[in-house]
């Protein structure tokens, strides 16, 4: 028996160098896009954590000021004017590391009564929480953290 030689056509020789280079380039572009999406997701998670802890810090300050106002409306912390800054830290309970630092300031204003001849004994309190670095240096970077403002009104009726 005699073996016959098989001939390969151009289609059966494998991939050309250009095809391999194009496939590698497309794979690289796809992986770079996936990495960028992962970076954006990590940045969003960090921003969400920072905003969450900033809200907690602002609410804690408002609760402290509300309690101060309830005890004594003439307390220095709730008199009209600008107050602060105070630095606060959010500590990781697992290892004691600092997760976030914030600088908290608050402004107290008298609330004007829209009724003529009436005096409204109330105060508007605006708490501003700004991300900070060690030493009180402000750390405002728009894609990674934000300045938070929370406003409320204290009045004698709440006492």
N, C-alpha and C. Protein backbone atom coordinates (compact mmCIF):
# COMPACT_ATOMS: atom_id res chain seq x y z
N UNK A 1 0.80 -1.16 0.00
CA UNK A 1 0.00 0.00 0.00
C UNK A 1 0.85 1.24 0.00
N UNK A 2 0.39 2.06 -0.75
CA UNK A 2 1.13 3.28 -0.92
C UNK A 2 0.43 4.45 -0.23
N UNK A 3 1.20 5.25 0.49
CA UNK A 3 0.63 6.43 1.15
C UNK A 3 0.58 7.59 0.19
N UNK A 4 -0.49 8.31 0.30
CA UNK A 4 -0.61 9.48 -0.54
C UNK A 4 -0.24 10.71 0.29
N UNK A 5 0.46 11.59 -0.34
CA UNK A 5 0.81 12.84 0.30
C UNK A 5 -0.41 13.76 0.26
N UNK A 6 -0.61 14.39 1.39
CA UNK A 6 -1.74 15.34 1.43
C UNK A 6 -1.18 16.73 1.24
N UNK A 7 -1.87 17.47 0.49
CA UNK A 7 -1.48 18.85 0.28
C UNK A 7 -2.34 19.76 1.15
N UNK A 8 -1.68 20.77 1.74
CA UNK A 8 -2.39 21.74 2.56
C UNK A 8 -2.68 22.96 1.73
N UNK A 9 -3.89 23.41 1.85
CA UNK A 9 -4.21 24.66 1.14
C UNK A 9 -3.81 25.83 2.04
N UNK A 10 -3.88 27.01 1.51
CA UNK A 10 -3.49 28.20 2.26
C UNK A 10 -4.33 28.39 3.52
N UNK A 11 -5.54 27.88 3.52
CA UNK A 11 -6.43 28.06 4.67
C UNK A 11 -6.00 27.20 5.86
N UNK A 12 -5.26 26.17 5.67
CA UNK A 12 -4.96 25.22 6.72
C UNK A 12 -3.58 25.42 7.34
N UNK A 13 -2.89 26.48 7.06
CA UNK A 13 -1.53 26.64 7.56
C UNK A 13 -1.48 27.25 8.95
N UNK A 14 -2.56 27.79 9.51
CA UNK A 14 -2.54 28.40 10.83
C UNK A 14 -2.79 29.89 10.72
N UNK A 15 -2.50 30.56 11.83
CA UNK A 15 -2.75 32.00 11.89
C UNK A 15 -1.53 32.76 11.39
N UNK A 16 -1.82 33.87 10.76
CA UNK A 16 -0.71 34.71 10.29
C UNK A 16 -0.26 35.61 11.45
N UNK A 17 0.89 36.20 11.29
CA UNK A 17 1.45 37.09 12.31
C UNK A 17 0.53 38.30 12.53
N UNK A 18 -0.05 38.81 11.46
CA UNK A 18 -0.95 39.97 11.59
C UNK A 18 -2.19 39.59 12.38
N UNK A 19 -2.74 38.41 12.16
CA UNK A 19 -3.92 37.98 12.92
C UNK A 19 -3.60 37.84 14.40
N UNK A 20 -2.46 37.31 14.72
CA UNK A 20 -2.05 37.15 16.12
C UNK A 20 -1.85 38.52 16.76
N UNK A 21 -1.22 39.44 16.05
CA UNK A 21 -1.00 40.79 16.59
C UNK A 21 -2.33 41.51 16.82
N UNK A 22 -3.28 41.36 15.91
CA UNK A 22 -4.59 41.99 16.07
C UNK A 22 -5.34 41.39 17.27
N UNK A 23 -5.29 40.10 17.43
CA UNK A 23 -5.96 39.45 18.56
C UNK A 23 -5.32 39.90 19.88
N UNK A 24 -4.00 40.00 19.91
CA UNK A 24 -3.31 40.46 21.12
C UNK A 24 -3.68 41.91 21.44
N UNK A 25 -3.73 42.75 20.42
CA UNK A 25 -4.09 44.16 20.64
C UNK A 25 -5.52 44.28 21.17
N UNK A 26 -6.46 43.54 20.60
CA UNK A 26 -7.85 43.59 21.07
C UNK A 26 -7.97 43.07 22.51
N UNK A 27 -7.26 42.02 22.83
CA UNK A 27 -7.28 41.48 24.19
C UNK A 27 -6.70 42.50 25.17
N UNK A 28 -5.61 43.15 24.78
CA UNK A 28 -4.99 44.17 25.64
C UNK A 28 -5.94 45.33 25.88
N UNK A 29 -6.60 45.81 24.85
CA UNK A 29 -7.56 46.92 24.99
C UNK A 29 -8.70 46.51 25.92
N UNK A 30 -9.20 45.31 25.77
CA UNK A 30 -10.27 44.81 26.64
C UNK A 30 -9.84 44.72 28.10
N UNK A 31 -8.64 44.23 28.34
CA UNK A 31 -8.14 44.13 29.72
C UNK A 31 -7.91 45.50 30.33
N UNK A 32 -7.40 46.45 29.55
CA UNK A 32 -7.21 47.81 30.06
C UNK A 32 -8.55 48.46 30.42
N UNK A 33 -9.57 48.24 29.61
CA UNK A 33 -10.90 48.78 29.92
C UNK A 33 -11.44 48.15 31.21
N UNK A 34 -11.26 46.85 31.37
CA UNK A 34 -11.73 46.18 32.59
C UNK A 34 -10.99 46.71 33.82
N UNK A 35 -9.68 46.95 33.70
CA UNK A 35 -8.92 47.50 34.83
C UNK A 35 -9.41 48.90 35.19
N UNK A 36 -9.72 49.71 34.19
CA UNK A 36 -10.21 51.05 34.46
C UNK A 36 -11.56 51.00 35.17
N UNK A 37 -12.42 50.09 34.78
CA UNK A 37 -13.71 49.94 35.45
C UNK A 37 -13.50 49.53 36.90
N UNK A 38 -12.55 48.64 37.16
CA UNK A 38 -12.26 48.23 38.54
C UNK A 38 -11.74 49.42 39.36
N UNK A 39 -10.89 50.25 38.79
CA UNK A 39 -10.39 51.43 39.49
C UNK A 39 -11.52 52.40 39.83
N UNK A 40 -12.44 52.60 38.89
CA UNK A 40 -13.58 53.47 39.14
C UNK A 40 -14.45 52.90 40.25
N UNK A 41 -14.67 51.60 40.24
CA UNK A 41 -15.49 50.96 41.28
C UNK A 41 -14.83 51.10 42.65
N UNK A 42 -13.51 50.92 42.72
CA UNK A 42 -12.82 51.07 44.00
C UNK A 42 -12.89 52.52 44.48
N UNK A 43 -12.74 53.48 43.57
CA UNK A 43 -12.86 54.89 43.94
C UNK A 43 -14.25 55.22 44.43
N UNK A 44 -15.27 54.65 43.81
CA UNK A 44 -16.65 54.89 44.25
C UNK A 44 -16.89 54.30 45.62
N UNK A 45 -16.34 53.13 45.89
CA UNK A 45 -16.50 52.52 47.21
C UNK A 45 -15.81 53.37 48.29
N UNK A 46 -14.63 53.88 47.97
CA UNK A 46 -13.92 54.75 48.92
C UNK A 46 -14.69 56.03 49.17
N UNK A 47 -15.24 56.62 48.10
CA UNK A 47 -16.03 57.84 48.25
C UNK A 47 -17.28 57.58 49.09
N UNK A 48 -17.94 56.46 48.86
CA UNK A 48 -19.14 56.13 49.64
C UNK A 48 -18.81 55.96 51.12
N UNK A 49 -17.69 55.30 51.41
CA UNK A 49 -17.30 55.14 52.81
C UNK A 49 -16.97 56.48 53.44
N UNK A 50 -16.26 57.32 52.71
CA UNK A 50 -15.90 58.63 53.21
C UNK A 50 -17.15 59.48 53.45
N UNK A 51 -18.10 59.46 52.52
CA UNK A 51 -19.32 60.23 52.69
C UNK A 51 -20.14 59.70 53.86
N UNK A 52 -20.19 58.40 54.02
CA UNK A 52 -20.93 57.81 55.14
C UNK A 52 -20.36 58.22 56.48
N UNK A 53 -19.05 58.19 56.61
CA UNK A 53 -18.44 58.58 57.87
C UNK A 53 -18.53 60.08 58.08
N UNK A 54 -18.54 60.87 56.99
CA UNK A 54 -18.72 62.33 57.12
C UNK A 54 -20.13 62.64 57.62
N UNK A 55 -21.13 61.93 57.13
CA UNK A 55 -22.50 62.13 57.59
C UNK A 55 -22.61 61.78 59.07
N UNK A 56 -21.99 60.69 59.48
CA UNK A 56 -22.03 60.31 60.90
C UNK A 56 -21.35 61.37 61.77
N UNK A 57 -20.24 61.91 61.30
CA UNK A 57 -19.54 62.96 62.05
C UNK A 57 -20.40 64.21 62.16
N UNK A 58 -21.07 64.59 61.07
CA UNK A 58 -21.94 65.77 61.09
C UNK A 58 -23.12 65.55 62.03
N UNK A 59 -23.71 64.39 61.98
CA UNK A 59 -24.86 64.10 62.85
C UNK A 59 -24.44 64.08 64.32
N UNK A 60 -23.27 63.53 64.61
CA UNK A 60 -22.78 63.55 65.99
C UNK A 60 -22.60 64.98 66.48
N UNK A 61 -22.05 65.85 65.63
CA UNK A 61 -21.86 67.24 66.02
C UNK A 61 -23.19 67.94 66.23
N UNK A 62 -24.15 67.68 65.34
CA UNK A 62 -25.47 68.29 65.50
C UNK A 62 -26.16 67.81 66.78
N UNK A 63 -26.01 66.55 67.11
CA UNK A 63 -26.59 66.03 68.36
C UNK A 63 -25.95 66.70 69.57
N UNK A 64 -24.62 66.87 69.53
CA UNK A 64 -23.93 67.55 70.62
C UNK A 64 -24.41 68.99 70.76
N UNK A 65 -24.52 69.70 69.63
CA UNK A 65 -24.97 71.09 69.66
C UNK A 65 -26.43 71.19 70.11
N UNK A 66 -27.26 70.27 69.69
CA UNK A 66 -28.66 70.26 70.11
C UNK A 66 -28.77 70.07 71.61
N UNK A 67 -27.99 69.15 72.14
CA UNK A 67 -27.98 68.91 73.59
C UNK A 67 -27.48 70.16 74.32
N UNK A 68 -26.44 70.80 73.79
CA UNK A 68 -25.92 72.03 74.40
C UNK A 68 -26.99 73.12 74.39
N UNK A 69 -27.70 73.26 73.27
CA UNK A 69 -28.75 74.28 73.16
C UNK A 69 -29.91 73.97 74.11
N UNK A 70 -30.26 72.70 74.25
CA UNK A 70 -31.35 72.32 75.16
C UNK A 70 -31.02 72.67 76.60
N UNK A 71 -29.78 72.47 76.99
CA UNK A 71 -29.37 72.79 78.37
C UNK A 71 -29.25 74.28 78.61
N UNK A 72 -28.62 74.97 77.63
CA UNK A 72 -28.37 76.41 77.82
C UNK A 72 -28.30 77.09 76.45
N UNK A 73 -29.35 77.82 76.05
CA UNK A 73 -29.33 78.50 74.75
C UNK A 73 -28.23 79.55 74.62
N UNK A 74 -27.63 79.94 75.72
CA UNK A 74 -26.56 80.94 75.67
C UNK A 74 -25.17 80.29 75.72
N UNK A 75 -25.12 78.98 75.54
CA UNK A 75 -23.85 78.26 75.48
C UNK A 75 -23.04 78.81 74.31
N UNK A 76 -21.75 78.97 74.50
CA UNK A 76 -20.87 79.55 73.47
C UNK A 76 -20.89 78.81 72.16
N UNK A 77 -21.13 77.50 72.18
CA UNK A 77 -21.14 76.72 70.94
C UNK A 77 -22.35 76.98 70.06
N UNK A 78 -23.43 77.54 70.66
CA UNK A 78 -24.64 77.76 69.87
C UNK A 78 -25.01 79.24 69.76
N UNK A 79 -24.09 80.10 70.11
CA UNK A 79 -24.31 81.54 69.91
C UNK A 79 -24.04 81.87 68.44
N UNK A 80 -24.72 82.88 67.89
CA UNK A 80 -24.49 83.23 66.49
C UNK A 80 -23.02 83.53 66.19
N UNK A 81 -22.59 83.04 65.05
CA UNK A 81 -21.21 83.25 64.60
C UNK A 81 -20.62 81.98 64.01
N UNK A 82 -19.36 82.08 63.61
CA UNK A 82 -18.62 80.93 63.07
C UNK A 82 -17.87 80.25 64.21
N UNK A 83 -17.88 78.92 64.19
CA UNK A 83 -17.23 78.14 65.24
C UNK A 83 -16.35 77.05 64.62
N UNK A 84 -15.34 76.64 65.38
CA UNK A 84 -14.46 75.59 64.91
C UNK A 84 -13.19 76.19 64.37
N UNK A 85 -12.36 75.46 63.74
CA UNK A 85 -12.53 74.07 63.34
C UNK A 85 -12.16 73.08 64.46
N UNK A 86 -12.77 71.92 64.38
CA UNK A 86 -12.42 70.79 65.23
C UNK A 86 -12.04 69.64 64.32
N UNK A 87 -11.05 68.89 64.73
CA UNK A 87 -10.65 67.72 63.96
C UNK A 87 -11.26 66.48 64.59
N UNK A 88 -11.77 65.60 63.75
CA UNK A 88 -12.29 64.33 64.23
C UNK A 88 -11.70 63.22 63.37
N UNK A 89 -11.54 62.07 63.98
CA UNK A 89 -10.97 60.90 63.27
C UNK A 89 -11.97 59.76 63.34
N UNK A 90 -12.00 58.96 62.28
CA UNK A 90 -12.77 57.73 62.27
C UNK A 90 -11.75 56.60 62.34
N UNK A 91 -11.83 55.82 63.42
CA UNK A 91 -10.84 54.77 63.69
C UNK A 91 -11.39 53.40 63.29
N UNK A 92 -10.55 52.60 62.65
CA UNK A 92 -10.89 51.22 62.33
C UNK A 92 -10.85 50.41 63.62
N UNK A 93 -11.97 49.80 64.06
CA UNK A 93 -11.96 49.07 65.32
C UNK A 93 -11.13 47.78 65.27
N UNK A 94 -10.85 47.28 64.08
CA UNK A 94 -10.10 46.02 63.97
C UNK A 94 -8.62 46.19 64.27
N UNK A 95 -8.02 47.25 63.72
CA UNK A 95 -6.58 47.41 63.90
C UNK A 95 -6.16 48.77 64.45
N UNK A 96 -7.13 49.64 64.72
CA UNK A 96 -6.81 50.94 65.31
C UNK A 96 -6.28 51.98 64.34
N UNK A 97 -6.28 51.67 63.04
CA UNK A 97 -5.79 52.64 62.06
C UNK A 97 -6.85 53.71 61.80
N UNK A 98 -6.40 54.86 61.32
CA UNK A 98 -7.31 55.96 61.02
C UNK A 98 -7.87 55.77 59.62
N UNK A 99 -9.21 55.64 59.53
CA UNK A 99 -9.86 55.49 58.23
C UNK A 99 -10.07 56.83 57.56
N UNK A 100 -10.57 57.79 58.31
CA UNK A 100 -10.83 59.13 57.78
C UNK A 100 -10.53 60.17 58.84
N UNK A 101 -10.15 61.36 58.38
CA UNK A 101 -9.99 62.53 59.23
C UNK A 101 -10.86 63.62 58.64
N UNK A 102 -11.53 64.36 59.51
CA UNK A 102 -12.38 65.45 59.05
C UNK A 102 -12.12 66.69 59.88
N UNK A 103 -12.32 67.82 59.25
CA UNK A 103 -12.32 69.10 59.96
C UNK A 103 -13.77 69.57 59.98
N UNK A 104 -14.29 69.81 61.19
CA UNK A 104 -15.68 70.20 61.34
C UNK A 104 -15.75 71.66 61.77
N UNK A 105 -16.54 72.44 61.06
CA UNK A 105 -16.84 73.82 61.43
C UNK A 105 -18.36 73.96 61.45
N UNK A 106 -18.85 74.94 62.19
CA UNK A 106 -20.28 75.19 62.18
C UNK A 106 -20.55 76.68 62.31
N UNK A 107 -21.64 77.07 61.69
CA UNK A 107 -22.06 78.47 61.70
C UNK A 107 -23.47 78.53 62.28
N UNK A 108 -23.65 79.44 63.22
CA UNK A 108 -24.95 79.63 63.86
C UNK A 108 -25.47 81.00 63.47
N UNK A 109 -26.71 81.06 62.99
CA UNK A 109 -27.37 82.31 62.61
C UNK A 109 -28.72 82.40 63.30
N UNK A 110 -29.14 83.63 63.60
CA UNK A 110 -30.50 83.84 64.08
C UNK A 110 -31.45 83.63 62.91
N UNK A 111 -32.62 83.11 63.19
CA UNK A 111 -33.61 82.89 62.15
C UNK A 111 -34.59 84.06 62.18
N UNK A 112 -34.72 84.73 61.06
CA UNK A 112 -35.64 85.87 60.99
C UNK A 112 -37.08 85.38 60.90
N UNK A 113 -37.95 86.05 61.61
CA UNK A 113 -39.37 85.72 61.58
C UNK A 113 -40.02 86.48 60.43
N UNK A 114 -40.73 85.80 59.54
CA UNK A 114 -41.35 86.50 58.41
C UNK A 114 -42.57 87.34 58.81
N UNK A 115 -43.08 87.13 60.01
CA UNK A 115 -44.24 87.89 60.48
C UNK A 115 -43.77 89.24 61.03
N UNK A 116 -44.38 90.34 60.62
CA UNK A 116 -43.95 91.65 61.11
C UNK A 116 -44.22 91.80 62.61
N UNK A 117 -43.21 92.33 63.28
CA UNK A 117 -43.33 92.59 64.70
C UNK A 117 -43.14 91.39 65.60
N UNK A 118 -42.94 90.22 65.04
CA UNK A 118 -42.74 89.01 65.83
C UNK A 118 -41.25 88.69 65.92
N UNK A 119 -40.85 88.13 67.01
CA UNK A 119 -39.46 87.72 67.20
C UNK A 119 -39.45 86.20 67.35
N UNK A 120 -38.70 85.57 66.51
CA UNK A 120 -38.59 84.12 66.54
C UNK A 120 -37.30 83.76 67.24
N UNK A 121 -37.40 83.05 68.32
CA UNK A 121 -36.22 82.67 69.08
C UNK A 121 -35.73 81.30 68.59
N UNK A 122 -35.08 81.31 67.45
CA UNK A 122 -34.58 80.07 66.86
C UNK A 122 -33.21 80.35 66.23
N UNK A 123 -32.47 79.29 66.04
CA UNK A 123 -31.13 79.43 65.44
C UNK A 123 -30.95 78.37 64.36
N UNK A 124 -30.41 78.83 63.25
CA UNK A 124 -30.07 77.91 62.16
C UNK A 124 -28.61 77.52 62.35
N UNK A 125 -28.35 76.22 62.33
CA UNK A 125 -27.00 75.70 62.52
C UNK A 125 -26.61 74.94 61.26
N UNK A 126 -25.48 75.35 60.68
CA UNK A 126 -24.96 74.67 59.49
C UNK A 126 -23.61 74.06 59.85
N UNK A 127 -23.53 72.74 59.79
CA UNK A 127 -22.29 72.02 60.08
C UNK A 127 -21.63 71.66 58.75
N UNK A 128 -20.34 71.97 58.62
CA UNK A 128 -19.57 71.66 57.42
C UNK A 128 -18.47 70.67 57.80
N UNK A 129 -18.43 69.55 57.08
CA UNK A 129 -17.44 68.51 57.33
C UNK A 129 -16.55 68.43 56.08
N UNK A 130 -15.26 68.71 56.28
CA UNK A 130 -14.29 68.71 55.18
C UNK A 130 -13.24 67.64 55.43
N UNK A 131 -12.95 66.78 54.44
CA UNK A 131 -11.88 65.80 54.63
C UNK A 131 -10.55 66.50 54.91
N UNK A 132 -9.75 65.92 55.79
CA UNK A 132 -8.48 66.54 56.19
C UNK A 132 -7.39 65.48 56.31
N UNK A 133 -6.17 65.94 56.23
CA UNK A 133 -5.00 65.11 56.47
C UNK A 133 -4.52 65.35 57.90
N UNK A 134 -3.53 64.60 58.32
CA UNK A 134 -2.95 64.83 59.65
C UNK A 134 -2.42 66.25 59.72
N UNK A 135 -2.58 66.87 60.86
CA UNK A 135 -2.11 68.24 61.03
C UNK A 135 -3.12 69.29 60.60
N UNK A 136 -4.34 68.87 60.25
CA UNK A 136 -5.38 69.82 59.91
C UNK A 136 -5.34 70.35 58.49
N UNK A 137 -4.51 69.78 57.63
CA UNK A 137 -4.45 70.22 56.23
C UNK A 137 -5.67 69.67 55.50
N UNK A 138 -6.42 70.56 54.84
CA UNK A 138 -7.63 70.12 54.14
C UNK A 138 -7.26 69.23 52.97
N UNK A 139 -8.10 68.22 52.72
CA UNK A 139 -7.83 67.21 51.72
C UNK A 139 -9.02 67.09 50.77
N UNK A 140 -9.38 68.18 50.14
CA UNK A 140 -10.53 68.17 49.24
C UNK A 140 -10.08 67.81 47.84
N UNK A 141 -10.45 66.61 47.39
CA UNK A 141 -10.13 66.14 46.04
C UNK A 141 -11.44 65.66 45.41
N UNK A 142 -12.03 66.44 44.50
CA UNK A 142 -13.37 66.15 44.00
C UNK A 142 -13.66 64.72 43.57
N UNK A 143 -12.77 64.01 42.88
CA UNK A 143 -13.20 62.65 42.51
C UNK A 143 -13.17 61.67 43.67
N UNK A 144 -12.47 62.00 44.75
CA UNK A 144 -12.28 61.02 45.82
C UNK A 144 -13.01 61.35 47.12
N UNK A 145 -13.29 62.61 47.37
CA UNK A 145 -14.01 62.97 48.59
C UNK A 145 -14.74 64.29 48.38
N UNK A 146 -15.67 64.55 49.25
CA UNK A 146 -16.51 65.72 49.08
C UNK A 146 -16.68 66.45 50.40
N UNK A 147 -16.98 67.75 50.31
CA UNK A 147 -17.32 68.54 51.48
C UNK A 147 -18.81 68.36 51.73
N UNK A 148 -19.16 68.10 52.99
CA UNK A 148 -20.55 67.85 53.35
C UNK A 148 -21.08 69.00 54.20
N UNK A 149 -22.27 69.48 53.89
CA UNK A 149 -22.95 70.51 54.66
C UNK A 149 -24.29 69.97 55.13
N UNK A 150 -24.57 70.12 56.42
CA UNK A 150 -25.86 69.71 56.99
C UNK A 150 -26.40 70.89 57.78
N UNK A 151 -27.66 71.25 57.53
CA UNK A 151 -28.27 72.40 58.19
C UNK A 151 -29.53 71.97 58.92
N UNK A 152 -29.73 72.55 60.10
CA UNK A 152 -30.96 72.32 60.87
C UNK A 152 -31.28 73.59 61.65
N UNK A 153 -32.45 73.61 62.28
CA UNK A 153 -32.89 74.76 63.07
C UNK A 153 -33.17 74.29 64.49
N UNK A 154 -32.61 75.03 65.45
CA UNK A 154 -32.90 74.79 66.86
C UNK A 154 -33.88 75.86 67.33
N UNK A 155 -34.85 75.45 68.11
CA UNK A 155 -35.80 76.42 68.65
C UNK A 155 -36.14 76.02 70.09
N UNK A 156 -36.68 76.95 70.88
CA UNK A 156 -37.02 76.63 72.27
C UNK A 156 -38.06 75.52 72.38
N UNK A 157 -38.88 75.35 71.36
CA UNK A 157 -39.91 74.31 71.40
C UNK A 157 -39.30 72.92 71.45
N UNK A 158 -38.09 72.77 70.93
CA UNK A 158 -37.46 71.45 70.93
C UNK A 158 -36.91 71.08 72.30
N UNK A 159 -36.82 72.05 73.20
CA UNK A 159 -36.28 71.76 74.53
C UNK A 159 -37.24 70.99 75.38
